[in-house]
Amino acid sequence: MKRSGGIVNRSNHPAYSNNLDQFAMRTVTLVREKASDPLGFNIRGGMEHFCGIYLSKVTPNMEAERLGLKESDQILSVNGIDFEDIEHNKAVKILKSNTQIQMKVRFFPYGYKKTYDKVQNANVGTPA
């Protein structure tokens, strides 16, 4: 990145994007025939780790991917239940027990990367 007068010029960095729409909250509805069908993604994080719930993996060619879900998406709510301050196990239980899952999510790579600093135990990246 170029520095000009002490200011970092991010617009010349290859990872820079000024498309703020990519970070906007969006609502997706995932429908499964049975609660035992896979969700098509894994999650990490949780209140006990002092962070939100994030998608850590999205399985290719599944409905979750077709809906536009991607790694680093933060789940803000599921079926009206706040996911910003929820324990990991409770989040998994809610996700797995519903066949129609309306999620409010936002792409938040900064927060997701911080989960690697905070999440230290065995439930890291567990399948949802």
C-alpha atoms as a PDB file:
ATOM      1  CA  MET A   1       0.000   0.000   0.000  1.00  0.00           C
ATOM      2  CA  LYS A   2       1.242   3.451  -0.824  1.00  0.00           C
ATOM      3  CA  ARG A   3       1.640   6.003   1.893  1.00  0.00           C
ATOM      4  CA  SER A   4       0.993   9.587   1.067  1.00  0.00           C
ATOM      5  CA  GLY A   5       1.534  12.129   3.813  1.00  0.00           C
ATOM      6  CA  GLY A   6       1.137   9.434   6.482  1.00  0.00           C
ATOM      7  CA  ILE A   7      -2.183   8.203   5.062  1.00  0.00           C
ATOM      8  CA  VAL A   8      -2.436   4.670   3.681  1.00  0.00           C
ATOM      9  CA  ASN A   9      -3.882   4.638   0.159  1.00  0.00           C
ATOM     10  CA  ARG A  10      -6.073   1.523   0.306  1.00  0.00           C
ATOM     11  CA  SER A  11      -7.631   2.008  -3.107  1.00  0.00           C
ATOM     12  CA  ASN A  12      -4.421   0.693  -4.705  1.00  0.00           C
ATOM     13  CA  HIS A  13      -4.423  -2.489  -2.613  1.00  0.00           C
ATOM     14  CA  PRO A  14      -5.629  -5.600  -4.551  1.00  0.00           C
ATOM     15  CA  ALA A  15      -8.025  -6.624  -1.740  1.00  0.00           C
ATOM     16  CA  TYR A  16      -9.677  -3.209  -1.543  1.00  0.00           C
ATOM     17  CA  SER A  17     -13.289  -2.804  -2.585  1.00  0.00           C
ATOM     18  CA  ASN A  18     -15.439   0.278  -2.166  1.00  0.00           C
ATOM     19  CA  ASN A  19     -18.614  -1.760  -2.762  1.00  0.00           C
ATOM     20  CA  LEU A  20     -20.231  -1.306   0.642  1.00  0.00           C
ATOM     21  CA  ASP A  21     -23.288  -3.333  -0.423  1.00  0.00           C
ATOM     22  CA  GLN A  22     -21.290  -6.513   0.191  1.00  0.00           C
ATOM     23  CA  PHE A  23     -21.359  -5.710   3.926  1.00  0.00           C
ATOM     24  CA  ALA A  24     -25.090  -4.920   4.164  1.00  0.00           C
ATOM     25  CA  MET A  25     -27.364  -7.134   6.197  1.00  0.00           C
ATOM     26  CA  ARG A  26     -29.403  -9.525   4.081  1.00  0.00           C
ATOM     27  CA  THR A  27     -32.115 -12.082   4.772  1.00  0.00           C
ATOM     28  CA  VAL A  28     -31.929 -15.608   3.393  1.00  0.00           C
ATOM     29  CA  THR A  29     -34.358 -18.473   3.885  1.00  0.00           C
ATOM     30  CA  LEU A  30     -32.964 -21.987   3.849  1.00  0.00           C
ATOM     31  CA  VAL A  31     -35.547 -24.751   3.483  1.00  0.00           C
ATOM     32  CA  ARG A  32     -34.814 -28.420   4.149  1.00  0.00           C
ATOM     33  CA  GLU A  33     -37.209 -31.348   3.766  1.00  0.00           C
ATOM     34  CA  LYS A  34     -36.230 -32.901   7.109  1.00  0.00           C
ATOM     35  CA  ALA A  35     -34.462 -31.530  10.157  1.00  0.00           C
ATOM     36  CA  SER A  36     -31.913 -34.320   9.727  1.00  0.00           C
ATOM     37  CA  ASP A  37     -30.874 -33.002   6.280  1.00  0.00           C
ATOM     38  CA  PRO A  38     -27.533 -31.183   6.274  1.00  0.00           C
ATOM     39  CA  LEU A  39     -27.537 -27.401   6.523  1.00  0.00           C
ATOM     40  CA  GLY A  40     -24.657 -27.046   4.103  1.00  0.00           C
ATOM     41  CA  PHE A  41     -22.466 -24.971   6.389  1.00  0.00           C
ATOM     42  CA  ASN A  42     -20.393 -25.065   9.575  1.00  0.00           C
ATOM     43  CA  ILE A  43     -20.327 -22.399  12.253  1.00  0.00           C
ATOM     44  CA  ARG A  44     -17.799 -21.159  14.778  1.00  0.00           C
ATOM     45  CA  GLY A  45     -17.866 -18.708  17.666  1.00  0.00           C
ATOM     46  CA  GLY A  46     -20.433 -17.998  20.327  1.00  0.00           C
ATOM     47  CA  MET A  47     -21.021 -15.952  23.443  1.00  0.00           C
ATOM     48  CA  GLU A  48     -18.703 -18.151  25.530  1.00  0.00           C
ATOM     49  CA  HIS A  49     -15.904 -17.112  23.173  1.00  0.00           C
ATOM     50  CA  PHE A  50     -16.809 -13.410  23.333  1.00  0.00           C
ATOM     51  CA  CYS A  51     -17.789 -13.248  19.667  1.00  0.00           C
ATOM     52  CA  GLY A  52     -20.734 -13.778  17.359  1.00  0.00           C
ATOM     53  CA  ILE A  53     -21.670 -16.828  15.304  1.00  0.00           C
ATOM     54  CA  TYR A  54     -19.944 -17.011  11.919  1.00  0.00           C
ATOM     55  CA  LEU A  55     -20.065 -19.354   8.948  1.00  0.00           C
ATOM     56  CA  SER A  56     -16.702 -21.101   8.870  1.00  0.00           C
ATOM     57  CA  LYS A  57     -17.389 -23.299   5.858  1.00  0.00           C
ATOM     58  CA  VAL A  58     -20.070 -23.458   3.182  1.00  0.00           C
ATOM     59  CA  THR A  59     -20.412 -26.765   1.353  1.00  0.00           C
ATOM     60  CA  PRO A  60     -20.176 -26.390  -2.437  1.00  0.00           C
ATOM     61  CA  ASN A  61     -23.259 -27.173  -4.538  1.00  0.00           C
ATOM     62  CA  MET A  62     -25.699 -27.111  -1.615  1.00  0.00           C
ATOM     63  CA  GLU A  63     -28.646 -24.771  -1.066  1.00  0.00           C
ATOM     64  CA  ALA A  64     -26.680 -22.615   1.402  1.00  0.00           C
ATOM     65  CA  GLU A  65     -24.129 -21.812  -1.301  1.00  0.00           C
ATOM     66  CA  ARG A  66     -26.854 -21.190  -3.900  1.00  0.00           C
ATOM     67  CA  LEU A  67     -28.437 -18.694  -1.496  1.00  0.00           C
ATOM     68  CA  GLY A  68     -25.168 -16.763  -1.427  1.00  0.00           C
ATOM     69  CA  LEU A  69     -23.994 -17.725   2.050  1.00  0.00           C
ATOM     70  CA  LYS A  70     -20.225 -17.629   2.401  1.00  0.00           C
ATOM     71  CA  GLU A  71     -17.405 -18.041   4.880  1.00  0.00           C
ATOM     72  CA  SER A  72     -17.143 -14.970   7.139  1.00  0.00           C
ATOM     73  CA  ASP A  73     -20.901 -14.311   7.129  1.00  0.00           C
ATOM     74  CA  GLN A  74     -22.068 -13.457  10.644  1.00  0.00           C
ATOM     75  CA  ILE A  75     -25.476 -14.861  11.602  1.00  0.00           C
ATOM     76  CA  LEU A  76     -27.359 -12.040  13.301  1.00  0.00           C
ATOM     77  CA  SER A  77     -30.638 -13.884  13.868  1.00  0.00           C
ATOM     78  CA  VAL A  78     -32.442 -17.112  13.017  1.00  0.00           C
ATOM     79  CA  ASN A  79     -36.252 -17.198  12.845  1.00  0.00           C
ATOM     80  CA  GLY A  80     -36.364 -14.027  14.927  1.00  0.00           C
ATOM     81  CA  ILE A  81     -33.965 -15.327  17.614  1.00  0.00           C
ATOM     82  CA  ASP A  82     -31.013 -13.025  18.293  1.00  0.00           C
ATOM     83  CA  PHE A  83     -27.726 -14.760  17.457  1.00  0.00           C
ATOM     84  CA  GLU A  84     -25.426 -11.896  18.470  1.00  0.00           C
ATOM     85  CA  ASP A  85     -25.233 -13.078  22.105  1.00  0.00           C
ATOM     86  CA  ILE A  86     -25.861 -16.820  21.918  1.00  0.00           C
ATOM     87  CA  GLU A  87     -23.857 -19.819  23.035  1.00  0.00           C
ATOM     88  CA  HIS A  88     -22.440 -22.033  20.302  1.00  0.00           C
ATOM     89  CA  ASN A  89     -24.345 -25.182  21.353  1.00  0.00           C
ATOM     90  CA  LYS A  90     -27.661 -23.331  21.522  1.00  0.00           C
ATOM     91  CA  ALA A  91     -27.062 -21.872  18.047  1.00  0.00           C
ATOM     92  CA  VAL A  92     -26.366 -25.353  16.645  1.00  0.00           C
ATOM     93  CA  LYS A  93     -29.525 -26.722  18.292  1.00  0.00           C
ATOM     94  CA  ILE A  94     -31.718 -23.968  16.824  1.00  0.00           C
ATOM     95  CA  LEU A  95     -30.234 -24.347  13.350  1.00  0.00           C
ATOM     96  CA  LYS A  96     -30.515 -28.138  13.313  1.00  0.00           C
ATOM     97  CA  SER A  97     -34.042 -28.331  14.744  1.00  0.00           C
ATOM     98  CA  ASN A  98     -35.756 -26.227  12.067  1.00  0.00           C
ATOM     99  CA  THR A  99     -36.612 -27.136   8.488  1.00  0.00           C
ATOM    100  CA  GLN A 100     -37.305 -23.534   7.477  1.00  0.00           C
ATOM    101  CA  ILE A 101     -34.538 -21.226   8.609  1.00  0.00           C
ATOM    102  CA  GLN A 102     -34.837 -17.497   8.006  1.00  0.00           C
ATOM    103  CA  MET A 103     -31.444 -15.964   8.745  1.00  0.00           C
ATOM    104  CA  LYS A 104     -30.316 -12.378   8.871  1.00  0.00           C
ATOM    105  CA  VAL A 105     -26.643 -12.354   7.980  1.00  0.00           C
ATOM    106  CA  ARG A 106     -23.923  -9.913   7.062  1.00  0.00           C
ATOM    107  CA  PHE A 107     -20.511 -10.406   5.530  1.00  0.00           C
ATOM    108  CA  PHE A 108     -18.085  -9.439   8.306  1.00  0.00           C
ATOM    109  CA  PRO A 109     -14.581 -10.805   7.619  1.00  0.00           C
ATOM    110  CA  TYR A 110     -12.966  -8.629  10.301  1.00  0.00           C
ATOM    111  CA  GLY A 111     -15.132 -10.160  13.046  1.00  0.00           C
ATOM    112  CA  TYR A 112     -14.673 -13.641  11.617  1.00  0.00           C
ATOM    113  CA  LYS A 113     -10.880 -13.335  11.655  1.00  0.00           C
ATOM    114  CA  LYS A 114     -11.070 -12.276  15.293  1.00  0.00           C
ATOM    115  CA  THR A 115     -12.736 -15.604  16.151  1.00  0.00           C
ATOM    116  CA  TYR A 116      -9.381 -17.245  15.534  1.00  0.00           C
ATOM    117  CA  ASP A 117      -7.962 -15.096  18.340  1.00  0.00           C
ATOM    118  CA  LYS A 118     -10.810 -15.875  20.728  1.00  0.00           C
ATOM    119  CA  VAL A 119     -12.125 -19.373  20.002  1.00  0.00           C
ATOM    120  CA  GLN A 120      -9.841 -21.835  21.738  1.00  0.00           C
ATOM    121  CA  ASN A 121     -11.778 -25.023  22.446  1.00  0.00           C
ATOM    122  CA  ALA A 122     -12.964 -28.143  20.631  1.00  0.00           C
ATOM    123  CA  ASN A 123     -16.197 -26.763  19.169  1.00  0.00           C
ATOM    124  CA  VAL A 124     -14.321 -24.558  16.708  1.00  0.00           C
ATOM    125  CA  GLY A 125     -15.738 -25.019  13.239  1.00  0.00           C
ATOM    126  CA  THR A 126     -18.183 -27.725  14.225  1.00  0.00           C
ATOM    127  CA  PRO A 127     -20.782 -28.646  11.630  1.00  0.00           C
ATOM    128  CA  ALA A 128     -24.045 -26.877  12.310  1.00  0.00           C
END
